[in-house]
């Protein structure tokens, strides 16, 4: 059971997480591209409360950006149309530095409800509806955001595939673009270890004003995880190999802890 939890890390639709793009130098996705890598959100969680923290640090050109994303997830005992109902919330922190300047603060919090179906034969699918409210912070997105996510998961033996499709719809369409992210992973497990290739892609889906240059990127990397029982750790490294209008390719190190509380 514990090995399957690590392998599927469906454990969390906790795709909550903050945005690398909170600072003025970037405009793109409010949901941080790559933040749900290694989490098979299509797989329902066993009922209970879970804590998850994902932290990452990386560099885009001369700018360094760090994000910490603490999440609480409650997999309720409620089912609806065969789906497990799960509630999630996050309160991310962001810091960004360029030569001669530094800014940090709370990012937009995130609240969500998810329905996750176990379809049998190792197949899982979920739908999540979330919301990022606008907050007053030097690093936050200055718009309310509706967040939709579809999680797909498949596992057979020690092998698992996951893809998380994330769509953002902005209230202030005149200053912030909509976005679409896809995070994916192909993981194998051996005893308490989990490992495999991962990646993500993201793109703006709208242009908020005339002359805006849409941003897009695609990154690849690798993940290594270990199940300490009951705490699970995952770490992964990603590098953007293709990008448009970001100015530089992002290289980022990620560290995640998953802690079942009850």
C-alpha atoms as a PDB file:
ATOM      1  CA  UNK A   1       0.000   0.000   0.000  1.00  0.00           C
ATOM      2  CA  UNK A   2       2.723   2.468   0.925  1.00  0.00           C
ATOM      3  CA  UNK A   3       4.667   1.724  -2.232  1.00  0.00           C
ATOM      4  CA  UNK A   4       1.534   2.309  -4.297  1.00  0.00           C
ATOM      5  CA  UNK A   5       0.965   5.623  -2.554  1.00  0.00           C
ATOM      6  CA  UNK A   6       4.414   6.778  -3.592  1.00  0.00           C
ATOM      7  CA  UNK A   7       4.108   5.337  -7.050  1.00  0.00           C
ATOM      8  CA  UNK A   8       0.738   6.909  -7.759  1.00  0.00           C
ATOM      9  CA  UNK A   9       1.166   9.904  -5.589  1.00  0.00           C
ATOM     10  CA  UNK A  10      -2.474  10.424  -6.417  1.00  0.00           C
ATOM     11  CA  UNK A  11      -2.318  11.240  -3.148  1.00  0.00           C
ATOM     12  CA  UNK A  12      -2.804  14.668  -4.097  1.00  0.00           C
ATOM     13  CA  UNK A  13      -4.732  16.640  -6.341  1.00  0.00           C
ATOM     14  CA  UNK A  14      -2.850  19.185  -4.527  1.00  0.00           C
ATOM     15  CA  UNK A  15      -1.984  20.884  -7.505  1.00  0.00           C
ATOM     16  CA  UNK A  16      -2.511  23.904  -5.546  1.00  0.00           C
ATOM     17  CA  UNK A  17       0.531  25.654  -5.848  1.00  0.00           C
ATOM     18  CA  UNK A  18       1.942  29.021  -6.504  1.00  0.00           C
ATOM     19  CA  UNK A  19       3.311  30.718  -9.504  1.00  0.00           C
ATOM     20  CA  UNK A  20       6.788  31.218 -10.684  1.00  0.00           C
ATOM     21  CA  UNK A  21       5.300  33.992 -12.707  1.00  0.00           C
ATOM     22  CA  UNK A  22       4.228  36.219  -9.895  1.00  0.00           C
ATOM     23  CA  UNK A  23       6.846  38.860 -10.515  1.00  0.00           C
ATOM     24  CA  UNK A  24       6.468  41.666 -13.045  1.00  0.00           C
ATOM     25  CA  UNK A  25       9.062  40.212 -15.408  1.00  0.00           C
ATOM     26  CA  UNK A  26       6.634  37.401 -16.259  1.00  0.00           C
ATOM     27  CA  UNK A  27       2.981  37.356 -17.185  1.00  0.00           C
ATOM     28  CA  UNK A  28       2.112  33.698 -17.766  1.00  0.00           C
ATOM     29  CA  UNK A  29       0.461  30.954 -15.754  1.00  0.00           C
ATOM     30  CA  UNK A  30      -0.907  31.715 -12.282  1.00  0.00           C
ATOM     31  CA  UNK A  31      -0.537  28.007 -11.524  1.00  0.00           C
ATOM     32  CA  UNK A  32       3.170  27.268 -11.542  1.00  0.00           C
ATOM     33  CA  UNK A  33       4.079  25.092 -14.538  1.00  0.00           C
ATOM     34  CA  UNK A  34       5.513  21.812 -13.232  1.00  0.00           C
ATOM     35  CA  UNK A  35       4.050  22.063  -9.753  1.00  0.00           C
ATOM     36  CA  UNK A  36       1.960  18.869 -10.040  1.00  0.00           C
ATOM     37  CA  UNK A  37       4.678  16.686 -11.581  1.00  0.00           C
ATOM     38  CA  UNK A  38       4.779  13.281  -9.880  1.00  0.00           C
ATOM     39  CA  UNK A  39       1.268  13.637  -8.424  1.00  0.00           C
ATOM     40  CA  UNK A  40      -1.268  11.280  -9.998  1.00  0.00           C
ATOM     41  CA  UNK A  41      -4.245  13.517  -9.320  1.00  0.00           C
ATOM     42  CA  UNK A  42      -6.521  11.193 -11.272  1.00  0.00           C
ATOM     43  CA  UNK A  43      -6.260   8.613  -8.476  1.00  0.00           C
ATOM     44  CA  UNK A  44      -8.626   9.084  -5.502  1.00  0.00           C
ATOM     45  CA  UNK A  45      -6.983   9.475  -2.106  1.00  0.00           C
ATOM     46  CA  UNK A  46      -7.855   7.127   0.734  1.00  0.00           C
ATOM     47  CA  UNK A  47     -10.143   9.059   3.112  1.00  0.00           C
ATOM     48  CA  UNK A  48      -8.161  11.220   5.533  1.00  0.00           C
ATOM     49  CA  UNK A  49      -6.219  14.442   5.910  1.00  0.00           C
ATOM     50  CA  UNK A  50      -2.875  15.004   4.195  1.00  0.00           C
ATOM     51  CA  UNK A  51      -0.239  17.705   4.384  1.00  0.00           C
ATOM     52  CA  UNK A  52       2.004  18.396   1.420  1.00  0.00           C
ATOM     53  CA  UNK A  53       4.745  20.927   0.875  1.00  0.00           C
ATOM     54  CA  UNK A  54       6.383  21.561  -2.485  1.00  0.00           C
ATOM     55  CA  UNK A  55       9.322  23.953  -2.642  1.00  0.00           C
ATOM     56  CA  UNK A  56      11.324  24.895  -5.712  1.00  0.00           C
ATOM     57  CA  UNK A  57      14.168  27.179  -6.620  1.00  0.00           C
ATOM     58  CA  UNK A  58      15.503  28.133 -10.021  1.00  0.00           C
ATOM     59  CA  UNK A  59      16.910  30.719 -12.349  1.00  0.00           C
ATOM     60  CA  UNK A  60      15.559  32.395 -15.483  1.00  0.00           C
ATOM     61  CA  UNK A  61      18.293  34.506 -17.016  1.00  0.00           C
ATOM     62  CA  UNK A  62      19.488  36.857 -14.245  1.00  0.00           C
ATOM     63  CA  UNK A  63      16.377  36.325 -12.146  1.00  0.00           C
ATOM     64  CA  UNK A  64      16.175  33.726  -9.352  1.00  0.00           C
ATOM     65  CA  UNK A  65      12.774  32.645  -8.077  1.00  0.00           C
ATOM     66  CA  UNK A  66      11.884  30.520  -5.050  1.00  0.00           C
ATOM     67  CA  UNK A  67       8.428  29.180  -4.237  1.00  0.00           C
ATOM     68  CA  UNK A  68       7.083  27.343  -1.177  1.00  0.00           C
ATOM     69  CA  UNK A  69       3.636  25.769  -1.455  1.00  0.00           C
ATOM     70  CA  UNK A  70       2.122  24.300   1.733  1.00  0.00           C
ATOM     71  CA  UNK A  71      -1.102  22.421   1.000  1.00  0.00           C
ATOM     72  CA  UNK A  72      -3.745  20.690   3.082  1.00  0.00           C
ATOM     73  CA  UNK A  73      -5.916  18.046   1.420  1.00  0.00           C
ATOM     74  CA  UNK A  74      -8.998  16.381   2.924  1.00  0.00           C
ATOM     75  CA  UNK A  75     -10.218  13.270   1.189  1.00  0.00           C
ATOM     76  CA  UNK A  76     -13.744  13.169   2.579  1.00  0.00           C
ATOM     77  CA  UNK A  77     -15.826  10.031   3.190  1.00  0.00           C
ATOM     78  CA  UNK A  78     -18.364  11.449   0.704  1.00  0.00           C
ATOM     79  CA  UNK A  79     -18.818   9.958  -2.760  1.00  0.00           C
ATOM     80  CA  UNK A  80     -20.892  11.417  -5.592  1.00  0.00           C
ATOM     81  CA  UNK A  81     -21.678   9.500  -8.781  1.00  0.00           C
ATOM     82  CA  UNK A  82     -18.930   7.083  -7.812  1.00  0.00           C
ATOM     83  CA  UNK A  83     -16.324   9.818  -7.275  1.00  0.00           C
ATOM     84  CA  UNK A  84     -14.434  10.536  -4.054  1.00  0.00           C
ATOM     85  CA  UNK A  85     -14.955  14.190  -3.018  1.00  0.00           C
ATOM     86  CA  UNK A  86     -11.744  15.936  -1.938  1.00  0.00           C
ATOM     87  CA  UNK A  87     -11.180  19.464  -0.617  1.00  0.00           C
ATOM     88  CA  UNK A  88      -7.871  21.325  -0.899  1.00  0.00           C
ATOM     89  CA  UNK A  89      -6.322  24.628   0.117  1.00  0.00           C
ATOM     90  CA  UNK A  90      -2.883  26.224  -0.178  1.00  0.00           C
ATOM     91  CA  UNK A  91      -1.085  29.385   0.964  1.00  0.00           C
ATOM     92  CA  UNK A  92       2.030  29.831  -1.223  1.00  0.00           C
ATOM     93  CA  UNK A  93       5.014  32.082  -0.589  1.00  0.00           C
ATOM     94  CA  UNK A  94       7.188  33.549  -3.354  1.00  0.00           C
ATOM     95  CA  UNK A  95      10.514  35.354  -3.447  1.00  0.00           C
ATOM     96  CA  UNK A  96      12.323  36.733  -6.487  1.00  0.00           C
ATOM     97  CA  UNK A  97      15.696  38.395  -6.931  1.00  0.00           C
ATOM     98  CA  UNK A  98      17.465  40.224  -9.721  1.00  0.00           C
ATOM     99  CA  UNK A  99      20.834  41.977  -9.485  1.00  0.00           C
ATOM    100  CA  UNK A 100      20.255  44.803  -7.015  1.00  0.00           C
ATOM    101  CA  UNK A 101      16.672  43.950  -6.025  1.00  0.00           C
ATOM    102  CA  UNK A 102      14.693  41.425  -3.982  1.00  0.00           C
ATOM    103  CA  UNK A 103      10.967  41.006  -3.372  1.00  0.00           C
ATOM    104  CA  UNK A 104       9.000  38.426  -1.388  1.00  0.00           C
ATOM    105  CA  UNK A 105       5.555  37.842   0.071  1.00  0.00           C
ATOM    106  CA  UNK A 106       2.403  35.769   0.040  1.00  0.00           C
ATOM    107  CA  UNK A 107       1.147  34.582  -3.299  1.00  0.00           C
ATOM    108  CA  UNK A 108      -2.555  34.170  -4.074  1.00  0.00           C
ATOM    109  CA  UNK A 109      -4.112  31.482  -1.842  1.00  0.00           C
ATOM    110  CA  UNK A 110      -5.901  28.597  -3.522  1.00  0.00           C
ATOM    111  CA  UNK A 111      -9.131  26.777  -2.653  1.00  0.00           C
ATOM    112  CA  UNK A 112     -10.526  23.812  -4.563  1.00  0.00           C
ATOM    113  CA  UNK A 113     -12.941  20.890  -4.616  1.00  0.00           C
ATOM    114  CA  UNK A 114     -12.228  17.749  -6.600  1.00  0.00           C
ATOM    115  CA  UNK A 115     -14.140  14.662  -7.706  1.00  0.00           C
ATOM    116  CA  UNK A 116     -11.874  11.644  -8.380  1.00  0.00           C
ATOM    117  CA  UNK A 117     -12.965   8.344  -9.925  1.00  0.00           C
ATOM    118  CA  UNK A 118     -11.236   4.964  -9.702  1.00  0.00           C
ATOM    119  CA  UNK A 119     -12.325   3.367 -12.991  1.00  0.00           C
ATOM    120  CA  UNK A 120     -10.613   0.051 -12.316  1.00  0.00           C
ATOM    121  CA  UNK A 121      -7.743  -1.708 -14.079  1.00  0.00           C
ATOM    122  CA  UNK A 122      -5.323   0.947 -12.804  1.00  0.00           C
ATOM    123  CA  UNK A 123      -7.164   3.852 -14.475  1.00  0.00           C
ATOM    124  CA  UNK A 124      -8.171   6.998 -12.602  1.00  0.00           C
ATOM    125  CA  UNK A 125      -9.600  10.347 -13.657  1.00  0.00           C
ATOM    126  CA  UNK A 126     -10.527  13.497 -11.750  1.00  0.00           C
ATOM    127  CA  UNK A 127     -12.035  16.945 -12.231  1.00  0.00           C
ATOM    128  CA  UNK A 128     -11.124  19.868  -9.988  1.00  0.00           C
ATOM    129  CA  UNK A 129     -12.637  23.334  -9.735  1.00  0.00           C
ATOM    130  CA  UNK A 130     -10.525  25.870  -7.864  1.00  0.00           C
ATOM    131  CA  UNK A 131     -10.180  29.569  -7.212  1.00  0.00           C
ATOM    132  CA  UNK A 132      -7.277  31.975  -6.665  1.00  0.00           C
ATOM    133  CA  UNK A 133      -8.621  35.207  -5.064  1.00  0.00           C
ATOM    134  CA  UNK A 134      -6.872  38.498  -5.764  1.00  0.00           C
ATOM    135  CA  UNK A 135      -4.696  39.663  -2.839  1.00  0.00           C
ATOM    136  CA  UNK A 136      -2.567  42.696  -2.062  1.00  0.00           C
ATOM    137  CA  UNK A 137       1.042  41.517  -2.248  1.00  0.00           C
ATOM    138  CA  UNK A 138       4.090  42.614  -4.260  1.00  0.00           C
ATOM    139  CA  UNK A 139       4.436  39.089  -5.692  1.00  0.00           C
ATOM    140  CA  UNK A 140       0.772  38.148  -6.209  1.00  0.00           C
ATOM    141  CA  UNK A 141      -1.326  38.007  -9.348  1.00  0.00           C
ATOM    142  CA  UNK A 142      -3.624  41.055  -9.428  1.00  0.00           C
ATOM    143  CA  UNK A 143      -6.690  39.224 -10.708  1.00  0.00           C
ATOM    144  CA  UNK A 144      -9.180  36.637  -9.481  1.00  0.00           C
ATOM    145  CA  UNK A 145      -8.610  33.334 -11.278  1.00  0.00           C
ATOM    146  CA  UNK A 146     -10.926  30.376 -11.893  1.00  0.00           C
ATOM    147  CA  UNK A 147      -8.841  27.205 -12.002  1.00  0.00           C
ATOM    148  CA  UNK A 148      -9.965  23.936 -13.650  1.00  0.00           C
ATOM    149  CA  UNK A 149      -7.928  20.736 -13.658  1.00  0.00           C
ATOM    150  CA  UNK A 150      -8.323  17.288 -15.185  1.00  0.00           C
ATOM    151  CA  UNK A 151      -6.137  14.530 -13.772  1.00  0.00           C
ATOM    152  CA  UNK A 152      -5.393  11.302 -15.665  1.00  0.00           C
ATOM    153  CA  UNK A 153      -3.604   8.351 -14.088  1.00  0.00           C
ATOM    154  CA  UNK A 154      -2.718   4.805 -15.089  1.00  0.00           C
ATOM    155  CA  UNK A 155      -0.738   2.196 -13.180  1.00  0.00           C
ATOM    156  CA  UNK A 156       0.178  -1.405 -13.825  1.00  0.00           C
ATOM    157  CA  UNK A 157       2.548  -3.338 -11.565  1.00  0.00           C
ATOM    158  CA  UNK A 158       5.314  -0.981 -10.477  1.00  0.00           C
ATOM    159  CA  UNK A 159       4.839   1.399 -13.416  1.00  0.00           C
ATOM    160  CA  UNK A 160       2.607   4.506 -13.495  1.00  0.00           C
ATOM    161  CA  UNK A 161       1.736   7.308 -15.899  1.00  0.00           C
ATOM    162  CA  UNK A 162       0.166  10.621 -14.895  1.00  0.00           C
ATOM    163  CA  UNK A 163      -0.896  13.775 -16.689  1.00  0.00           C
ATOM    164  CA  UNK A 164      -2.439  16.854 -15.116  1.00  0.00           C
ATOM    165  CA  UNK A 165      -4.158  19.348 -17.419  1.00  0.00           C
ATOM    166  CA  UNK A 166      -4.618  22.781 -15.831  1.00  0.00           C
ATOM    167  CA  UNK A 167      -6.670  25.656 -17.221  1.00  0.00           C
ATOM    168  CA  UNK A 168      -6.799  29.195 -15.836  1.00  0.00           C
ATOM    169  CA  UNK A 169      -9.512  31.771 -16.591  1.00  0.00           C
ATOM    170  CA  UNK A 170      -8.781  35.325 -15.460  1.00  0.00           C
ATOM    171  CA  UNK A 171     -11.368  37.819 -14.269  1.00  0.00           C
ATOM    172  CA  UNK A 172      -9.221  40.758 -15.427  1.00  0.00           C
ATOM    173  CA  UNK A 173      -8.783  39.790 -19.065  1.00  0.00           C
ATOM    174  CA  UNK A 174      -7.332  43.219 -19.912  1.00  0.00           C
ATOM    175  CA  UNK A 175      -4.102  42.721 -17.922  1.00  0.00           C
ATOM    176  CA  UNK A 176      -3.618  38.968 -17.388  1.00  0.00           C
ATOM    177  CA  UNK A 177      -3.762  36.187 -20.013  1.00  0.00           C
ATOM    178  CA  UNK A 178      -5.552  32.886 -19.599  1.00  0.00           C
ATOM    179  CA  UNK A 179      -3.297  29.833 -19.531  1.00  0.00           C
ATOM    180  CA  UNK A 180      -3.085  26.093 -20.117  1.00  0.00           C
ATOM    181  CA  UNK A 181      -0.519  23.833 -18.418  1.00  0.00           C
ATOM    182  CA  UNK A 182       0.186  20.112 -18.774  1.00  0.00           C
ATOM    183  CA  UNK A 183       2.404  18.339 -16.195  1.00  0.00           C
ATOM    184  CA  UNK A 184       3.344  14.715 -16.834  1.00  0.00           C
ATOM    185  CA  UNK A 185       5.422  11.854 -15.415  1.00  0.00           C
ATOM    186  CA  UNK A 186       6.266   8.229 -16.247  1.00  0.00           C
ATOM    187  CA  UNK A 187       7.463   6.580 -13.034  1.00  0.00           C
ATOM    188  CA  UNK A 188       8.635   3.143 -11.975  1.00  0.00           C
ATOM    189  CA  UNK A 189       9.110   1.967  -8.403  1.00  0.00           C
ATOM    190  CA  UNK A 190      11.488  -0.463  -6.734  1.00  0.00           C
ATOM    191  CA  UNK A 191      11.021  -1.261  -3.045  1.00  0.00           C
ATOM    192  CA  UNK A 192      10.679   2.213  -1.478  1.00  0.00           C
ATOM    193  CA  UNK A 193      12.183   4.110  -4.425  1.00  0.00           C
ATOM    194  CA  UNK A 194      10.347   5.819  -7.269  1.00  0.00           C
ATOM    195  CA  UNK A 195      12.015   7.289 -10.353  1.00  0.00           C
ATOM    196  CA  UNK A 196      11.486   8.259 -13.979  1.00  0.00           C
ATOM    197  CA  UNK A 197      11.291  11.009 -16.616  1.00  0.00           C
ATOM    198  CA  UNK A 198       9.021  14.012 -16.114  1.00  0.00           C
ATOM    199  CA  UNK A 199       8.149  17.240 -17.879  1.00  0.00           C
ATOM    200  CA  UNK A 200       5.705  20.066 -18.375  1.00  0.00           C
ATOM    201  CA  UNK A 201       4.395  22.458 -20.985  1.00  0.00           C
ATOM    202  CA  UNK A 202       2.545  25.746 -20.620  1.00  0.00           C
ATOM    203  CA  UNK A 203       1.075  28.360 -22.913  1.00  0.00           C
ATOM    204  CA  UNK A 204      -0.963  31.544 -22.726  1.00  0.00           C
ATOM    205  CA  UNK A 205      -4.438  31.056 -24.173  1.00  0.00           C
ATOM    206  CA  UNK A 206      -5.287  34.728 -24.679  1.00  0.00           C
ATOM    207  CA  UNK A 207      -3.722  38.124 -25.297  1.00  0.00           C
ATOM    208  CA  UNK A 208      -4.877  40.643 -22.674  1.00  0.00           C
ATOM    209  CA  UNK A 209      -4.016  43.687 -24.770  1.00  0.00           C
ATOM    210  CA  UNK A 210      -2.784  44.732 -28.173  1.00  0.00           C
ATOM    211  CA  UNK A 211       0.907  44.063 -28.655  1.00  0.00           C
ATOM    212  CA  UNK A 212       1.097  41.382 -25.958  1.00  0.00           C
ATOM    213  CA  UNK A 213       3.461  38.540 -26.886  1.00  0.00           C
ATOM    214  CA  UNK A 214       2.093  35.179 -25.787  1.00  0.00           C
ATOM    215  CA  UNK A 215       4.404  33.044 -23.657  1.00  0.00           C
ATOM    216  CA  UNK A 216       4.914  29.302 -23.985  1.00  0.00           C
ATOM    217  CA  UNK A 217       7.493  26.772 -22.808  1.00  0.00           C
ATOM    218  CA  UNK A 218       8.304  23.067 -22.649  1.00  0.00           C
ATOM    219  CA  UNK A 219      10.547  21.454 -20.024  1.00  0.00           C
ATOM    220  CA  UNK A 220      11.876  17.971 -19.315  1.00  0.00           C
ATOM    221  CA  UNK A 221      13.637  16.400 -16.348  1.00  0.00           C
ATOM    222  CA  UNK A 222      13.806  13.484 -13.935  1.00  0.00           C
ATOM    223  CA  UNK A 223      12.256  12.560 -10.571  1.00  0.00           C
ATOM    224  CA  UNK A 224      13.504  10.502  -7.630  1.00  0.00           C
ATOM    225  CA  UNK A 225      11.277   9.651  -4.670  1.00  0.00           C
ATOM    226  CA  UNK A 226      11.567   7.662  -1.441  1.00  0.00           C
ATOM    227  CA  UNK A 227       8.903   6.364   0.941  1.00  0.00           C
ATOM    228  CA  UNK A 228      10.145   6.742   4.522  1.00  0.00           C
ATOM    229  CA  UNK A 229       6.810   5.405   5.849  1.00  0.00           C
ATOM    230  CA  UNK A 230       4.619   7.282   6.417  1.00  0.00           C
ATOM    231  CA  UNK A 231       6.418  10.395   5.105  1.00  0.00           C
ATOM    232  CA  UNK A 232       7.096  10.432   1.365  1.00  0.00           C
ATOM    233  CA  UNK A 233       9.785  12.567  -0.255  1.00  0.00           C
ATOM    234  CA  UNK A 234      10.095  13.451  -3.932  1.00  0.00           C
ATOM    235  CA  UNK A 235      12.737  15.523  -5.644  1.00  0.00           C
ATOM    236  CA  UNK A 236      13.010  16.425  -9.297  1.00  0.00           C
ATOM    237  CA  UNK A 237      14.966  18.657 -11.646  1.00  0.00           C
ATOM    238  CA  UNK A 238      13.483  20.346 -14.721  1.00  0.00           C
ATOM    239  CA  UNK A 239      14.982  22.379 -17.546  1.00  0.00           C
ATOM    240  CA  UNK A 240      13.117  24.340 -20.213  1.00  0.00           C
ATOM    241  CA  UNK A 241      14.289  23.186 -23.640  1.00  0.00           C
ATOM    242  CA  UNK A 242      11.938  25.304 -25.783  1.00  0.00           C
ATOM    243  CA  UNK A 243      10.416  28.676 -24.864  1.00  0.00           C
ATOM    244  CA  UNK A 244       8.825  31.703 -26.437  1.00  0.00           C
ATOM    245  CA  UNK A 245       8.897  35.232 -24.959  1.00  0.00           C
ATOM    246  CA  UNK A 246      10.296  34.243 -21.548  1.00  0.00           C
ATOM    247  CA  UNK A 247      13.714  35.623 -22.424  1.00  0.00           C
ATOM    248  CA  UNK A 248      15.661  32.613 -21.096  1.00  0.00           C
ATOM    249  CA  UNK A 249      15.345  28.902 -20.310  1.00  0.00           C
ATOM    250  CA  UNK A 250      14.371  28.078 -16.724  1.00  0.00           C
ATOM    251  CA  UNK A 251      16.295  25.460 -14.719  1.00  0.00           C
ATOM    252  CA  UNK A 252      14.545  24.463 -11.490  1.00  0.00           C
ATOM    253  CA  UNK A 253      15.073  22.136  -8.517  1.00  0.00           C
ATOM    254  CA  UNK A 254      11.973  20.830  -6.697  1.00  0.00           C
ATOM    255  CA  UNK A 255      11.552  19.163  -3.289  1.00  0.00           C
ATOM    256  CA  UNK A 256       8.256  17.721  -1.990  1.00  0.00           C
ATOM    257  CA  UNK A 257       7.153  16.106   1.292  1.00  0.00           C
ATOM    258  CA  UNK A 258       3.855  14.251   1.661  1.00  0.00           C
ATOM    259  CA  UNK A 259       2.606  13.586   5.210  1.00  0.00           C
ATOM    260  CA  UNK A 260      -0.595  11.634   5.990  1.00  0.00           C
ATOM    261  CA  UNK A 261      -2.114  13.168   9.131  1.00  0.00           C
ATOM    262  CA  UNK A 262      -5.114  10.897   9.666  1.00  0.00           C
END
